[in-house]
């Protein structure tokens, strides 16, 4: 399933990714520091959502309370929450 997320407080305007059976693939950021974001995307591609969230959630950027990795973690949590069936 393809997810599009509008992050807050960072340079990129969109984060897009696929989640299939709890595994994240094909992460793309629109805007931001291309080299760093391609590295983050490559490092987490193929990993389970929970593992990525554990690794990236809460990482700040300079004086900001959030960062591109933190926003990716929030996007993944949001996607999981939106797809839960209680």
N, C-alpha and C. Protein backbone atom coordinates (compact mmCIF):
# COMPACT_ATOMS: atom_id res chain seq x y z
N UNK A 1 0.84 -1.15 0.00
CA UNK A 1 0.00 0.00 0.00
C UNK A 1 0.90 1.23 0.00
N UNK A 2 0.63 2.16 -0.90
CA UNK A 2 1.43 3.39 -1.03
C UNK A 2 0.86 4.44 -0.08
N UNK A 3 1.74 5.05 0.71
CA UNK A 3 1.36 6.06 1.69
C UNK A 3 2.03 7.38 1.32
N UNK A 4 1.28 8.46 1.41
CA UNK A 4 1.83 9.80 1.24
C UNK A 4 1.56 10.57 2.52
N UNK A 5 2.60 11.20 3.06
CA UNK A 5 2.49 11.91 4.33
C UNK A 5 3.06 13.31 4.18
N UNK A 6 2.35 14.30 4.71
CA UNK A 6 2.84 15.69 4.71
C UNK A 6 3.49 15.97 6.06
N UNK A 7 4.83 16.01 6.08
CA UNK A 7 5.53 16.24 7.34
C UNK A 7 5.40 17.68 7.82
N UNK A 8 5.70 17.88 9.09
CA UNK A 8 5.65 19.21 9.69
C UNK A 8 7.00 19.54 10.31
N UNK A 9 7.45 20.78 10.10
CA UNK A 9 8.67 21.25 10.75
C UNK A 9 9.98 20.84 10.11
N UNK A 10 9.93 20.32 8.87
CA UNK A 10 11.15 19.92 8.16
C UNK A 10 11.11 20.47 6.74
N UNK A 11 12.22 20.39 6.04
CA UNK A 11 12.32 20.92 4.68
C UNK A 11 11.49 20.16 3.65
N UNK A 12 11.51 18.82 3.63
CA UNK A 12 10.71 18.11 2.64
C UNK A 12 9.21 18.39 2.80
N UNK A 13 8.52 18.46 1.67
CA UNK A 13 7.08 18.72 1.69
C UNK A 13 6.26 17.43 1.70
N UNK A 14 6.86 16.32 1.29
CA UNK A 14 6.16 15.02 1.26
C UNK A 14 7.12 13.90 1.60
N UNK A 15 6.56 12.86 2.21
CA UNK A 15 7.26 11.59 2.39
C UNK A 15 6.34 10.53 1.82
N UNK A 16 6.88 9.69 0.94
CA UNK A 16 6.09 8.61 0.34
C UNK A 16 6.81 7.29 0.58
N UNK A 17 6.02 6.24 0.79
CA UNK A 17 6.60 4.91 1.01
C UNK A 17 5.52 3.86 0.81
N UNK A 18 5.96 2.63 0.68
CA UNK A 18 5.08 1.47 0.60
C UNK A 18 5.24 0.65 1.86
N UNK A 19 4.14 0.08 2.33
CA UNK A 19 4.18 -0.90 3.42
C UNK A 19 3.46 -2.15 2.92
N UNK A 20 4.17 -3.26 2.95
CA UNK A 20 3.59 -4.54 2.57
C UNK A 20 3.96 -5.54 3.64
N UNK A 21 2.94 -6.12 4.27
CA UNK A 21 3.15 -7.10 5.33
C UNK A 21 4.07 -6.57 6.43
N UNK A 22 3.92 -5.28 6.77
CA UNK A 22 4.69 -4.69 7.84
C UNK A 22 6.11 -4.28 7.48
N UNK A 23 6.48 -4.43 6.21
CA UNK A 23 7.82 -4.09 5.72
C UNK A 23 7.73 -2.81 4.88
N UNK A 24 8.67 -1.90 5.12
CA UNK A 24 8.69 -0.62 4.42
C UNK A 24 9.61 -0.70 3.21
N UNK A 25 9.13 -0.18 2.10
CA UNK A 25 9.90 -0.18 0.85
C UNK A 25 9.70 1.15 0.12
N UNK A 26 10.64 1.45 -0.75
CA UNK A 26 10.55 2.58 -1.68
C UNK A 26 10.17 3.89 -0.99
N UNK A 27 11.06 4.37 -0.13
CA UNK A 27 10.85 5.61 0.61
C UNK A 27 11.40 6.76 -0.23
N UNK A 28 10.57 7.78 -0.42
CA UNK A 28 10.97 8.97 -1.18
C UNK A 28 10.57 10.22 -0.41
N UNK A 29 11.50 11.16 -0.32
CA UNK A 29 11.24 12.47 0.26
C UNK A 29 11.21 13.48 -0.88
N UNK A 30 10.26 14.40 -0.87
CA UNK A 30 10.21 15.48 -1.84
C UNK A 30 10.78 16.73 -1.18
N UNK A 31 11.94 17.18 -1.64
CA UNK A 31 12.62 18.32 -1.05
C UNK A 31 13.60 17.85 0.01
N UNK A 32 14.30 18.80 0.61
CA UNK A 32 15.25 18.47 1.66
C UNK A 32 16.64 18.16 1.12
N UNK A 33 17.48 17.65 1.97
CA UNK A 33 18.88 17.33 1.64
C UNK A 33 18.93 15.97 0.95
N UNK A 34 19.04 16.00 -0.36
CA UNK A 34 18.89 14.77 -1.15
C UNK A 34 19.82 13.64 -0.72
N UNK A 35 21.09 13.94 -0.53
CA UNK A 35 22.04 12.88 -0.16
C UNK A 35 21.69 12.22 1.16
N UNK A 36 21.43 13.03 2.17
CA UNK A 36 21.08 12.48 3.48
C UNK A 36 19.79 11.68 3.43
N UNK A 37 18.81 12.20 2.72
CA UNK A 37 17.52 11.52 2.68
C UNK A 37 17.57 10.24 1.85
N UNK A 38 18.39 10.23 0.82
CA UNK A 38 18.57 8.98 0.07
C UNK A 38 19.26 7.95 0.95
N UNK A 39 20.20 8.40 1.79
CA UNK A 39 20.89 7.48 2.70
C UNK A 39 19.91 6.91 3.73
N UNK A 40 19.12 7.77 4.36
CA UNK A 40 18.12 7.30 5.33
C UNK A 40 17.20 6.29 4.66
N UNK A 41 16.72 6.63 3.47
CA UNK A 41 15.80 5.74 2.75
C UNK A 41 16.45 4.39 2.46
N UNK A 42 17.69 4.40 2.01
CA UNK A 42 18.38 3.14 1.69
C UNK A 42 18.62 2.30 2.94
N UNK A 43 18.93 2.95 4.05
CA UNK A 43 19.22 2.23 5.28
C UNK A 43 17.99 1.56 5.90
N UNK A 44 16.82 2.13 5.71
CA UNK A 44 15.63 1.54 6.32
C UNK A 44 14.79 0.71 5.34
N UNK A 45 15.10 0.79 4.06
CA UNK A 45 14.34 0.02 3.07
C UNK A 45 14.41 -1.48 3.39
N UNK A 46 13.25 -2.12 3.43
CA UNK A 46 13.19 -3.56 3.68
C UNK A 46 13.10 -3.94 5.15
N UNK A 47 13.05 -2.94 6.02
CA UNK A 47 12.96 -3.22 7.46
C UNK A 47 11.51 -3.14 7.94
N UNK A 48 11.20 -3.81 9.04
CA UNK A 48 9.85 -3.73 9.61
C UNK A 48 9.55 -2.33 10.15
N UNK A 49 8.30 -1.94 10.07
CA UNK A 49 7.87 -0.64 10.54
C UNK A 49 8.32 -0.40 11.98
N UNK A 50 8.06 -1.33 12.88
CA UNK A 50 8.38 -1.15 14.30
C UNK A 50 9.87 -0.89 14.52
N UNK A 51 10.72 -1.56 13.78
CA UNK A 51 12.16 -1.38 13.92
C UNK A 51 12.58 0.03 13.48
N UNK A 52 12.00 0.49 12.38
CA UNK A 52 12.32 1.83 11.88
C UNK A 52 11.86 2.89 12.87
N UNK A 53 10.66 2.74 13.39
CA UNK A 53 10.14 3.70 14.36
C UNK A 53 11.04 3.74 15.59
N UNK A 54 11.44 2.58 16.09
CA UNK A 54 12.34 2.50 17.25
C UNK A 54 13.66 3.23 17.00
N UNK A 55 14.20 3.09 15.80
CA UNK A 55 15.49 3.69 15.47
C UNK A 55 15.42 5.20 15.27
N UNK A 56 14.33 5.69 14.67
CA UNK A 56 14.30 7.07 14.19
C UNK A 56 13.47 8.05 15.01
N UNK A 57 12.49 7.55 15.77
CA UNK A 57 11.59 8.44 16.48
C UNK A 57 12.35 9.26 17.53
N UNK A 58 12.09 10.57 17.52
CA UNK A 58 12.67 11.46 18.51
C UNK A 58 13.99 12.10 18.12
N UNK A 59 14.52 11.78 16.95
CA UNK A 59 15.79 12.38 16.52
C UNK A 59 15.52 13.85 16.15
N UNK A 60 16.24 14.79 16.79
CA UNK A 60 16.06 16.20 16.45
C UNK A 60 17.00 16.61 15.31
N UNK A 61 16.78 17.80 14.78
CA UNK A 61 17.65 18.38 13.76
C UNK A 61 18.06 19.76 14.25
N UNK A 62 19.30 19.88 14.70
CA UNK A 62 19.75 21.15 15.25
C UNK A 62 18.90 21.54 16.45
N UNK A 63 18.34 22.72 16.40
CA UNK A 63 17.48 23.18 17.50
C UNK A 63 16.02 22.77 17.34
N UNK A 64 15.71 22.20 16.20
CA UNK A 64 14.33 21.74 15.98
C UNK A 64 14.06 20.50 16.83
N UNK A 65 12.83 20.34 17.23
CA UNK A 65 12.45 19.17 18.03
C UNK A 65 12.16 17.95 17.15
N UNK A 66 12.15 18.15 15.85
CA UNK A 66 11.89 17.05 14.92
C UNK A 66 12.97 17.06 13.84
N UNK A 67 12.91 16.07 12.96
CA UNK A 67 13.87 15.94 11.86
C UNK A 67 13.21 15.10 10.77
N UNK A 68 13.90 14.95 9.66
CA UNK A 68 13.38 14.09 8.60
C UNK A 68 13.22 12.64 9.07
N UNK A 69 14.22 12.06 9.77
CA UNK A 69 14.02 10.70 10.28
C UNK A 69 12.86 10.61 11.28
N UNK A 70 12.74 11.59 12.16
CA UNK A 70 11.65 11.61 13.13
C UNK A 70 10.30 11.69 12.42
N UNK A 71 10.21 12.53 11.40
CA UNK A 71 8.95 12.65 10.66
C UNK A 71 8.62 11.36 9.90
N UNK A 72 9.64 10.66 9.40
CA UNK A 72 9.40 9.36 8.77
C UNK A 72 8.82 8.40 9.80
N UNK A 73 9.38 8.38 11.00
CA UNK A 73 8.85 7.52 12.06
C UNK A 73 7.40 7.87 12.38
N UNK A 74 7.09 9.16 12.46
CA UNK A 74 5.71 9.59 12.72
C UNK A 74 4.79 9.20 11.57
N UNK A 75 5.28 9.31 10.34
CA UNK A 75 4.49 8.92 9.17
C UNK A 75 4.16 7.42 9.23
N UNK A 76 5.14 6.62 9.62
CA UNK A 76 4.92 5.17 9.73
C UNK A 76 3.92 4.85 10.83
N UNK A 77 4.05 5.50 11.97
CA UNK A 77 3.09 5.30 13.06
C UNK A 77 1.69 5.71 12.62
N UNK A 78 1.61 6.82 11.94
CA UNK A 78 0.32 7.32 11.44
C UNK A 78 -0.30 6.31 10.47
N UNK A 79 0.52 5.78 9.57
CA UNK A 79 0.02 4.80 8.61
C UNK A 79 -0.48 3.55 9.30
N UNK A 80 0.23 3.09 10.31
CA UNK A 80 -0.21 1.90 11.06
C UNK A 80 -1.52 2.18 11.79
N UNK A 81 -1.61 3.34 12.43
CA UNK A 81 -2.82 3.71 13.15
C UNK A 81 -4.02 3.85 12.24
N UNK A 82 -3.81 4.37 11.06
CA UNK A 82 -4.90 4.56 10.11
C UNK A 82 -5.40 3.23 9.55
N UNK A 83 -4.57 2.18 9.64
CA UNK A 83 -4.95 0.90 9.06
C UNK A 83 -5.31 -0.15 10.09
N UNK A 84 -5.35 0.25 11.36
CA UNK A 84 -5.74 -0.70 12.41
C UNK A 84 -7.24 -0.94 12.35
N UNK A 85 -7.59 -2.17 12.57
CA UNK A 85 -9.01 -2.51 12.68
C UNK A 85 -9.25 -3.02 14.08
N UNK A 86 -9.96 -2.25 14.89
CA UNK A 86 -10.20 -2.63 16.29
C UNK A 86 -11.52 -3.37 16.43
